């Protein structure tokens, strides 16, 4: 078998399909893990009770994230093994200079908050309250770590490390480099936003996705986009904790 290189043209269609299947499989695994957790905990109403709860218990949210990430990981594996895509060299190798991306994530969160404040949409903070309202103390710290540090790892790996590259690099035979980067950033950002299944937050997530894709392209690594993404989530988490403290 010929080893893959960065110049190998990825099988874009196969990779996008693998990502979709991985996402759906992750949803199934999340549901199965939540059902198992509900059975072990004796949760009232079982899985249907969890689905209808406005504030599901911390263990349900945690198990759901683990199941979803397993699906993401499978999609990444397929992209690398069958999709003609090779990881960027050292894409997860941190550098001290990556700390400079922390303020960028904070600025992105502030910008999104300011834009939403202008239009006063209803339910902007709904997903955060659903995730955190049933937590406190150690469970708040655990779910916070999963959402601030864990989620960006798997989301950057799939949406920037795989989907962005599959679209952008796959289009370079037909488009200029600038046009292919724009197409990849737009497509991966839209899929990133849609994957969260939150209509109110869609515009902000797509905007963030574009920024993260451009960071990944510029650095040819995933750590800068991960740091930006993590600090974006951390800003929202700190604001939520501060709000609860008052």
C-alpha atoms as a PDB file:
ATOM      1  CA  UNK A   1       0.000   0.000   0.000  1.00  0.00           C
ATOM      2  CA  UNK A   2       1.333   3.440  -0.930  1.00  0.00           C
ATOM      3  CA  UNK A   3       1.722   5.623   2.170  1.00  0.00           C
ATOM      4  CA  UNK A   4      -0.528   8.651   2.309  1.00  0.00           C
ATOM      5  CA  UNK A   5       0.953  12.118   2.092  1.00  0.00           C
ATOM      6  CA  UNK A   6      -0.418  15.601   2.582  1.00  0.00           C
ATOM      7  CA  UNK A   7      -0.602  15.963  -1.235  1.00  0.00           C
ATOM      8  CA  UNK A   8      -2.877  12.925  -1.634  1.00  0.00           C
ATOM      9  CA  UNK A   9      -6.267  14.020  -2.947  1.00  0.00           C
ATOM     10  CA  UNK A  10      -8.832  12.932  -0.349  1.00  0.00           C
ATOM     11  CA  UNK A  11     -11.980  11.019  -1.263  1.00  0.00           C
ATOM     12  CA  UNK A  12     -14.250  13.855  -0.245  1.00  0.00           C
ATOM     13  CA  UNK A  13     -17.557  12.101  -0.804  1.00  0.00           C
ATOM     14  CA  UNK A  14     -16.512   9.031   1.171  1.00  0.00           C
ATOM     15  CA  UNK A  15     -15.210  11.169   4.034  1.00  0.00           C
ATOM     16  CA  UNK A  16     -18.394  13.257   4.252  1.00  0.00           C
ATOM     17  CA  UNK A  17     -20.518  10.099   4.257  1.00  0.00           C
ATOM     18  CA  UNK A  18     -18.261   8.549   6.915  1.00  0.00           C
ATOM     19  CA  UNK A  19     -18.633  11.684   9.035  1.00  0.00           C
ATOM     20  CA  UNK A  20     -22.424  11.561   8.706  1.00  0.00           C
ATOM     21  CA  UNK A  21     -22.515   7.877   9.622  1.00  0.00           C
ATOM     22  CA  UNK A  22     -20.111   8.497  12.508  1.00  0.00           C
ATOM     23  CA  UNK A  23     -22.320  11.305  13.785  1.00  0.00           C
ATOM     24  CA  UNK A  24     -25.451   9.135  13.580  1.00  0.00           C
ATOM     25  CA  UNK A  25     -23.657   6.200  15.177  1.00  0.00           C
ATOM     26  CA  UNK A  26     -22.497   8.527  17.944  1.00  0.00           C
ATOM     27  CA  UNK A  27     -26.101   9.536  18.562  1.00  0.00           C
ATOM     28  CA  UNK A  28     -27.118   5.872  18.785  1.00  0.00           C
ATOM     29  CA  UNK A  29     -24.252   5.065  21.161  1.00  0.00           C
ATOM     30  CA  UNK A  30     -25.130   8.106  23.265  1.00  0.00           C
ATOM     31  CA  UNK A  31     -28.720   6.917  23.521  1.00  0.00           C
ATOM     32  CA  UNK A  32     -27.660   3.391  24.461  1.00  0.00           C
ATOM     33  CA  UNK A  33     -25.285   4.654  27.146  1.00  0.00           C
ATOM     34  CA  UNK A  34     -27.927   6.997  28.541  1.00  0.00           C
ATOM     35  CA  UNK A  35     -30.445   4.123  28.607  1.00  0.00           C
ATOM     36  CA  UNK A  36     -27.932   1.962  30.464  1.00  0.00           C
ATOM     37  CA  UNK A  37     -27.237   4.764  32.918  1.00  0.00           C
ATOM     38  CA  UNK A  38     -30.959   5.315  33.490  1.00  0.00           C
ATOM     39  CA  UNK A  39     -31.455   1.601  34.161  1.00  0.00           C
ATOM     40  CA  UNK A  40     -28.548   1.408  36.601  1.00  0.00           C
ATOM     41  CA  UNK A  41     -29.601   4.586  38.413  1.00  0.00           C
ATOM     42  CA  UNK A  42     -33.278   3.673  38.469  1.00  0.00           C
ATOM     43  CA  UNK A  43     -34.111   7.007  36.867  1.00  0.00           C
ATOM     44  CA  UNK A  44     -37.887   7.675  36.835  1.00  0.00           C
ATOM     45  CA  UNK A  45     -39.265   7.054  33.363  1.00  0.00           C
ATOM     46  CA  UNK A  46     -36.005   5.596  32.075  1.00  0.00           C
ATOM     47  CA  UNK A  47     -34.789   6.870  28.735  1.00  0.00           C
ATOM     48  CA  UNK A  48     -38.057   8.644  27.934  1.00  0.00           C
ATOM     49  CA  UNK A  49     -37.833  10.413  31.271  1.00  0.00           C
ATOM     50  CA  UNK A  50     -34.338  11.638  30.396  1.00  0.00           C
ATOM     51  CA  UNK A  51     -35.466  12.811  26.964  1.00  0.00           C
ATOM     52  CA  UNK A  52     -38.297  14.880  28.421  1.00  0.00           C
ATOM     53  CA  UNK A  53     -36.273  16.328  31.291  1.00  0.00           C
ATOM     54  CA  UNK A  54     -35.363  20.019  31.007  1.00  0.00           C
ATOM     55  CA  UNK A  55     -32.309  19.375  33.200  1.00  0.00           C
ATOM     56  CA  UNK A  56     -31.072  15.785  32.822  1.00  0.00           C
ATOM     57  CA  UNK A  57     -28.657  14.491  35.479  1.00  0.00           C
ATOM     58  CA  UNK A  58     -24.947  15.021  35.012  1.00  0.00           C
ATOM     59  CA  UNK A  59     -24.245  11.371  34.307  1.00  0.00           C
ATOM     60  CA  UNK A  60     -26.678  11.363  31.377  1.00  0.00           C
ATOM     61  CA  UNK A  61     -24.978  14.377  29.788  1.00  0.00           C
ATOM     62  CA  UNK A  62     -21.545  12.826  30.346  1.00  0.00           C
ATOM     63  CA  UNK A  63     -22.524   9.450  28.891  1.00  0.00           C
ATOM     64  CA  UNK A  64     -24.119  11.165  25.920  1.00  0.00           C
ATOM     65  CA  UNK A  65     -20.925  13.050  25.167  1.00  0.00           C
ATOM     66  CA  UNK A  66     -18.818   9.883  25.399  1.00  0.00           C
ATOM     67  CA  UNK A  67     -21.123   8.052  22.982  1.00  0.00           C
ATOM     68  CA  UNK A  68     -21.081  10.928  20.512  1.00  0.00           C
ATOM     69  CA  UNK A  69     -17.298  11.195  20.652  1.00  0.00           C
ATOM     70  CA  UNK A  70     -16.940   7.475  19.927  1.00  0.00           C
ATOM     71  CA  UNK A  71     -18.836   8.020  16.679  1.00  0.00           C
ATOM     72  CA  UNK A  72     -16.649  11.015  15.827  1.00  0.00           C
ATOM     73  CA  UNK A  73     -13.531   8.940  16.459  1.00  0.00           C
ATOM     74  CA  UNK A  74     -14.739   6.210  14.116  1.00  0.00           C
ATOM     75  CA  UNK A  75     -15.348   8.770  11.360  1.00  0.00           C
ATOM     76  CA  UNK A  76     -11.829  10.153  11.794  1.00  0.00           C
ATOM     77  CA  UNK A  77     -10.389   6.643  11.606  1.00  0.00           C
ATOM     78  CA  UNK A  78     -12.250   5.909   8.363  1.00  0.00           C
ATOM     79  CA  UNK A  79     -11.055   9.207   6.870  1.00  0.00           C
ATOM     80  CA  UNK A  80      -7.455   8.295   7.643  1.00  0.00           C
ATOM     81  CA  UNK A  81      -7.659   4.645   6.623  1.00  0.00           C
ATOM     82  CA  UNK A  82      -9.946   4.725   3.583  1.00  0.00           C
ATOM     83  CA  UNK A  83     -10.478   8.378   2.733  1.00  0.00           C
ATOM     84  CA  UNK A  84      -7.055   9.205   1.351  1.00  0.00           C
ATOM     85  CA  UNK A  85      -6.404  11.731   4.135  1.00  0.00           C
ATOM     86  CA  UNK A  86      -3.208  11.804   6.203  1.00  0.00           C
ATOM     87  CA  UNK A  87      -2.974  13.688   9.507  1.00  0.00           C
ATOM     88  CA  UNK A  88      -1.011  16.902   9.427  1.00  0.00           C
ATOM     89  CA  UNK A  89       2.474  16.243  10.862  1.00  0.00           C
ATOM     90  CA  UNK A  90       2.462  17.174  14.542  1.00  0.00           C
ATOM     91  CA  UNK A  91      -1.126  18.397  14.362  1.00  0.00           C
ATOM     92  CA  UNK A  92      -1.639  17.799  18.088  1.00  0.00           C
ATOM     93  CA  UNK A  93       1.838  18.886  19.201  1.00  0.00           C
ATOM     94  CA  UNK A  94       1.447  21.943  21.475  1.00  0.00           C
ATOM     95  CA  UNK A  95       3.687  24.988  21.410  1.00  0.00           C
ATOM     96  CA  UNK A  96       4.016  27.764  23.964  1.00  0.00           C
ATOM     97  CA  UNK A  97       2.870  30.230  21.328  1.00  0.00           C
ATOM     98  CA  UNK A  98      -0.508  28.469  21.190  1.00  0.00           C
ATOM     99  CA  UNK A  99      -1.448  30.262  24.414  1.00  0.00           C
ATOM    100  CA  UNK A 100      -1.848  33.394  22.300  1.00  0.00           C
ATOM    101  CA  UNK A 101      -5.060  31.884  20.913  1.00  0.00           C
ATOM    102  CA  UNK A 102      -6.772  31.988  24.321  1.00  0.00           C
ATOM    103  CA  UNK A 103      -7.745  35.676  23.948  1.00  0.00           C
ATOM    104  CA  UNK A 104      -9.057  34.953  20.462  1.00  0.00           C
ATOM    105  CA  UNK A 105     -11.523  32.405  21.837  1.00  0.00           C
ATOM    106  CA  UNK A 106     -12.629  34.858  24.505  1.00  0.00           C
ATOM    107  CA  UNK A 107     -13.058  37.577  21.878  1.00  0.00           C
ATOM    108  CA  UNK A 108     -15.129  35.272  19.676  1.00  0.00           C
ATOM    109  CA  UNK A 109     -17.465  34.448  22.573  1.00  0.00           C
ATOM    110  CA  UNK A 110     -17.831  38.122  23.487  1.00  0.00           C
ATOM    111  CA  UNK A 111     -18.521  39.020  19.842  1.00  0.00           C
ATOM    112  CA  UNK A 112     -21.223  36.356  19.584  1.00  0.00           C
ATOM    113  CA  UNK A 113     -22.797  37.514  22.853  1.00  0.00           C
ATOM    114  CA  UNK A 114     -22.836  41.142  21.704  1.00  0.00           C
ATOM    115  CA  UNK A 115     -24.406  40.273  18.350  1.00  0.00           C
ATOM    116  CA  UNK A 116     -27.087  38.145  19.994  1.00  0.00           C
ATOM    117  CA  UNK A 117     -27.786  40.915  22.507  1.00  0.00           C
ATOM    118  CA  UNK A 118     -28.664  43.226  19.619  1.00  0.00           C
ATOM    119  CA  UNK A 119     -31.442  40.926  18.413  1.00  0.00           C
ATOM    120  CA  UNK A 120     -32.639  39.466  21.750  1.00  0.00           C
ATOM    121  CA  UNK A 121     -33.351  35.927  20.465  1.00  0.00           C
ATOM    122  CA  UNK A 122     -35.211  33.635  22.851  1.00  0.00           C
ATOM    123  CA  UNK A 123     -33.456  30.580  24.297  1.00  0.00           C
ATOM    124  CA  UNK A 124     -29.831  31.462  23.599  1.00  0.00           C
ATOM    125  CA  UNK A 125     -28.672  30.030  26.938  1.00  0.00           C
ATOM    126  CA  UNK A 126     -31.020  27.040  26.829  1.00  0.00           C
ATOM    127  CA  UNK A 127     -28.395  24.396  25.893  1.00  0.00           C
ATOM    128  CA  UNK A 128     -26.021  25.574  28.643  1.00  0.00           C
ATOM    129  CA  UNK A 129     -28.760  25.427  31.269  1.00  0.00           C
ATOM    130  CA  UNK A 130     -29.807  21.966  30.120  1.00  0.00           C
ATOM    131  CA  UNK A 131     -26.225  20.774  30.427  1.00  0.00           C
ATOM    132  CA  UNK A 132     -25.291  22.393  33.731  1.00  0.00           C
ATOM    133  CA  UNK A 133     -28.398  23.185  35.799  1.00  0.00           C
ATOM    134  CA  UNK A 134     -28.466  19.759  37.471  1.00  0.00           C
ATOM    135  CA  UNK A 135     -24.772  19.936  38.412  1.00  0.00           C
ATOM    136  CA  UNK A 136     -22.932  21.401  41.382  1.00  0.00           C
ATOM    137  CA  UNK A 137     -19.536  21.033  43.011  1.00  0.00           C
ATOM    138  CA  UNK A 138     -17.595  18.034  41.620  1.00  0.00           C
ATOM    139  CA  UNK A 139     -20.214  17.207  38.978  1.00  0.00           C
ATOM    140  CA  UNK A 140     -20.171  20.797  37.733  1.00  0.00           C
ATOM    141  CA  UNK A 141     -16.381  20.568  37.429  1.00  0.00           C
ATOM    142  CA  UNK A 142     -16.606  17.232  35.606  1.00  0.00           C
ATOM    143  CA  UNK A 143     -19.222  18.306  33.058  1.00  0.00           C
ATOM    144  CA  UNK A 144     -17.389  21.620  32.691  1.00  0.00           C
ATOM    145  CA  UNK A 145     -14.132  19.815  31.880  1.00  0.00           C
ATOM    146  CA  UNK A 146     -15.875  17.587  29.343  1.00  0.00           C
ATOM    147  CA  UNK A 147     -17.498  20.513  27.561  1.00  0.00           C
ATOM    148  CA  UNK A 148     -14.585  22.963  27.789  1.00  0.00           C
ATOM    149  CA  UNK A 149     -11.658  20.609  27.137  1.00  0.00           C
ATOM    150  CA  UNK A 150     -13.028  17.321  25.813  1.00  0.00           C
ATOM    151  CA  UNK A 151     -15.638  18.433  23.298  1.00  0.00           C
ATOM    152  CA  UNK A 152     -13.232  20.716  21.377  1.00  0.00           C
ATOM    153  CA  UNK A 153     -10.767  17.833  20.907  1.00  0.00           C
ATOM    154  CA  UNK A 154     -13.226  15.613  19.064  1.00  0.00           C
ATOM    155  CA  UNK A 155     -14.983  18.451  17.269  1.00  0.00           C
ATOM    156  CA  UNK A 156     -11.719  19.944  15.977  1.00  0.00           C
ATOM    157  CA  UNK A 157     -10.496  16.521  14.929  1.00  0.00           C
ATOM    158  CA  UNK A 158     -13.637  15.802  12.906  1.00  0.00           C
ATOM    159  CA  UNK A 159     -14.785  19.192  11.612  1.00  0.00           C
ATOM    160  CA  UNK A 160     -11.422  20.887  10.988  1.00  0.00           C
ATOM    161  CA  UNK A 161      -8.979  17.988  10.842  1.00  0.00           C
ATOM    162  CA  UNK A 162     -11.167  15.874   8.565  1.00  0.00           C
ATOM    163  CA  UNK A 163     -14.187  17.626   7.034  1.00  0.00           C
ATOM    164  CA  UNK A 164     -12.540  20.989   6.366  1.00  0.00           C
ATOM    165  CA  UNK A 165      -9.533  19.328   4.786  1.00  0.00           C
ATOM    166  CA  UNK A 166     -11.634  16.842   2.783  1.00  0.00           C
ATOM    167  CA  UNK A 167     -13.599  19.656   1.136  1.00  0.00           C
ATOM    168  CA  UNK A 168     -10.756  22.173   0.735  1.00  0.00           C
ATOM    169  CA  UNK A 169      -8.085  19.749  -0.454  1.00  0.00           C
ATOM    170  CA  UNK A 170     -10.557  17.849  -2.600  1.00  0.00           C
ATOM    171  CA  UNK A 171     -11.520  21.054  -4.437  1.00  0.00           C
ATOM    172  CA  UNK A 172      -7.983  22.233  -5.211  1.00  0.00           C
ATOM    173  CA  UNK A 173      -7.875  20.371  -8.523  1.00  0.00           C
ATOM    174  CA  UNK A 174     -10.749  22.558  -9.777  1.00  0.00           C
ATOM    175  CA  UNK A 175     -10.499  25.772  -7.762  1.00  0.00           C
ATOM    176  CA  UNK A 176      -7.813  28.220  -6.702  1.00  0.00           C
ATOM    177  CA  UNK A 177      -6.289  27.756  -3.272  1.00  0.00           C
ATOM    178  CA  UNK A 178      -8.195  30.750  -1.897  1.00  0.00           C
ATOM    179  CA  UNK A 179     -11.526  29.525  -3.300  1.00  0.00           C
ATOM    180  CA  UNK A 180     -10.977  25.978  -2.042  1.00  0.00           C
ATOM    181  CA  UNK A 181     -10.119  27.257   1.444  1.00  0.00           C
ATOM    182  CA  UNK A 182     -13.261  29.405   1.439  1.00  0.00           C
ATOM    183  CA  UNK A 183     -15.391  26.459   0.288  1.00  0.00           C
ATOM    184  CA  UNK A 184     -13.889  24.136   2.917  1.00  0.00           C
ATOM    185  CA  UNK A 185     -14.276  26.705   5.704  1.00  0.00           C
ATOM    186  CA  UNK A 186     -17.899  27.457   4.775  1.00  0.00           C
ATOM    187  CA  UNK A 187     -18.917  23.807   4.356  1.00  0.00           C
ATOM    188  CA  UNK A 188     -17.235  22.545   7.534  1.00  0.00           C
ATOM    189  CA  UNK A 189     -18.553  25.509   9.551  1.00  0.00           C
ATOM    190  CA  UNK A 190     -22.115  24.888   8.371  1.00  0.00           C
ATOM    191  CA  UNK A 191     -21.888  21.184   9.238  1.00  0.00           C
ATOM    192  CA  UNK A 192     -20.372  22.117  12.604  1.00  0.00           C
ATOM    193  CA  UNK A 193     -23.286  24.433  13.342  1.00  0.00           C
ATOM    194  CA  UNK A 194     -25.941  21.974  12.165  1.00  0.00           C
ATOM    195  CA  UNK A 195     -24.424  19.144  14.227  1.00  0.00           C
ATOM    196  CA  UNK A 196     -25.305  21.033  17.408  1.00  0.00           C
ATOM    197  CA  UNK A 197     -29.006  20.960  16.429  1.00  0.00           C
ATOM    198  CA  UNK A 198     -29.641  24.359  17.989  1.00  0.00           C
ATOM    199  CA  UNK A 199     -31.333  26.759  15.579  1.00  0.00           C
ATOM    200  CA  UNK A 200     -30.915  29.845  17.753  1.00  0.00           C
ATOM    201  CA  UNK A 201     -27.175  29.268  18.152  1.00  0.00           C
ATOM    202  CA  UNK A 202     -26.616  28.285  14.504  1.00  0.00           C
ATOM    203  CA  UNK A 203     -25.318  31.642  13.242  1.00  0.00           C
ATOM    204  CA  UNK A 204     -22.801  32.019  16.071  1.00  0.00           C
ATOM    205  CA  UNK A 205     -21.571  28.441  15.682  1.00  0.00           C
ATOM    206  CA  UNK A 206     -21.130  28.811  11.933  1.00  0.00           C
ATOM    207  CA  UNK A 207     -19.173  32.035  12.434  1.00  0.00           C
ATOM    208  CA  UNK A 208     -16.951  30.338  15.009  1.00  0.00           C
ATOM    209  CA  UNK A 209     -16.507  27.372  12.666  1.00  0.00           C
ATOM    210  CA  UNK A 210     -15.189  29.629   9.904  1.00  0.00           C
ATOM    211  CA  UNK A 211     -12.636  31.184  12.271  1.00  0.00           C
ATOM    212  CA  UNK A 212     -11.495  27.755  13.470  1.00  0.00           C
ATOM    213  CA  UNK A 213     -11.138  26.417   9.939  1.00  0.00           C
ATOM    214  CA  UNK A 214      -9.000  29.379   8.911  1.00  0.00           C
ATOM    215  CA  UNK A 215      -6.819  28.885  11.989  1.00  0.00           C
ATOM    216  CA  UNK A 216      -6.336  25.225  11.116  1.00  0.00           C
ATOM    217  CA  UNK A 217      -5.435  26.063   7.523  1.00  0.00           C
ATOM    218  CA  UNK A 218      -3.024  28.804   8.536  1.00  0.00           C
ATOM    219  CA  UNK A 219      -1.203  26.740  11.167  1.00  0.00           C
ATOM    220  CA  UNK A 220      -1.557  23.297   9.535  1.00  0.00           C
ATOM    221  CA  UNK A 221      -2.216  22.015  13.040  1.00  0.00           C
ATOM    222  CA  UNK A 222      -5.256  21.455  15.258  1.00  0.00           C
ATOM    223  CA  UNK A 223      -3.921  22.812  18.546  1.00  0.00           C
ATOM    224  CA  UNK A 224      -4.562  26.496  17.690  1.00  0.00           C
ATOM    225  CA  UNK A 225      -8.183  25.843  16.757  1.00  0.00           C
ATOM    226  CA  UNK A 226      -8.589  23.615  19.826  1.00  0.00           C
ATOM    227  CA  UNK A 227      -7.214  26.319  22.150  1.00  0.00           C
ATOM    228  CA  UNK A 228      -9.510  28.924  20.571  1.00  0.00           C
ATOM    229  CA  UNK A 229     -12.499  26.586  20.765  1.00  0.00           C
ATOM    230  CA  UNK A 230     -11.737  25.611  24.375  1.00  0.00           C
ATOM    231  CA  UNK A 231     -11.371  29.227  25.503  1.00  0.00           C
ATOM    232  CA  UNK A 232     -14.621  30.094  23.663  1.00  0.00           C
ATOM    233  CA  UNK A 233     -16.413  27.375  25.659  1.00  0.00           C
ATOM    234  CA  UNK A 234     -14.571  28.297  28.855  1.00  0.00           C
ATOM    235  CA  UNK A 235     -15.741  31.903  28.612  1.00  0.00           C
ATOM    236  CA  UNK A 236     -19.365  30.776  28.449  1.00  0.00           C
ATOM    237  CA  UNK A 237     -18.787  28.317  31.306  1.00  0.00           C
ATOM    238  CA  UNK A 238     -17.195  30.937  33.572  1.00  0.00           C
ATOM    239  CA  UNK A 239     -20.048  33.341  32.836  1.00  0.00           C
ATOM    240  CA  UNK A 240     -22.572  30.638  33.761  1.00  0.00           C
ATOM    241  CA  UNK A 241     -20.772  29.834  37.023  1.00  0.00           C
ATOM    242  CA  UNK A 242     -20.578  33.531  37.881  1.00  0.00           C
ATOM    243  CA  UNK A 243     -24.271  33.948  37.168  1.00  0.00           C
ATOM    244  CA  UNK A 244     -25.103  31.021  39.443  1.00  0.00           C
ATOM    245  CA  UNK A 245     -22.906  32.440  42.196  1.00  0.00           C
ATOM    246  CA  UNK A 246     -25.077  35.545  42.287  1.00  0.00           C
END
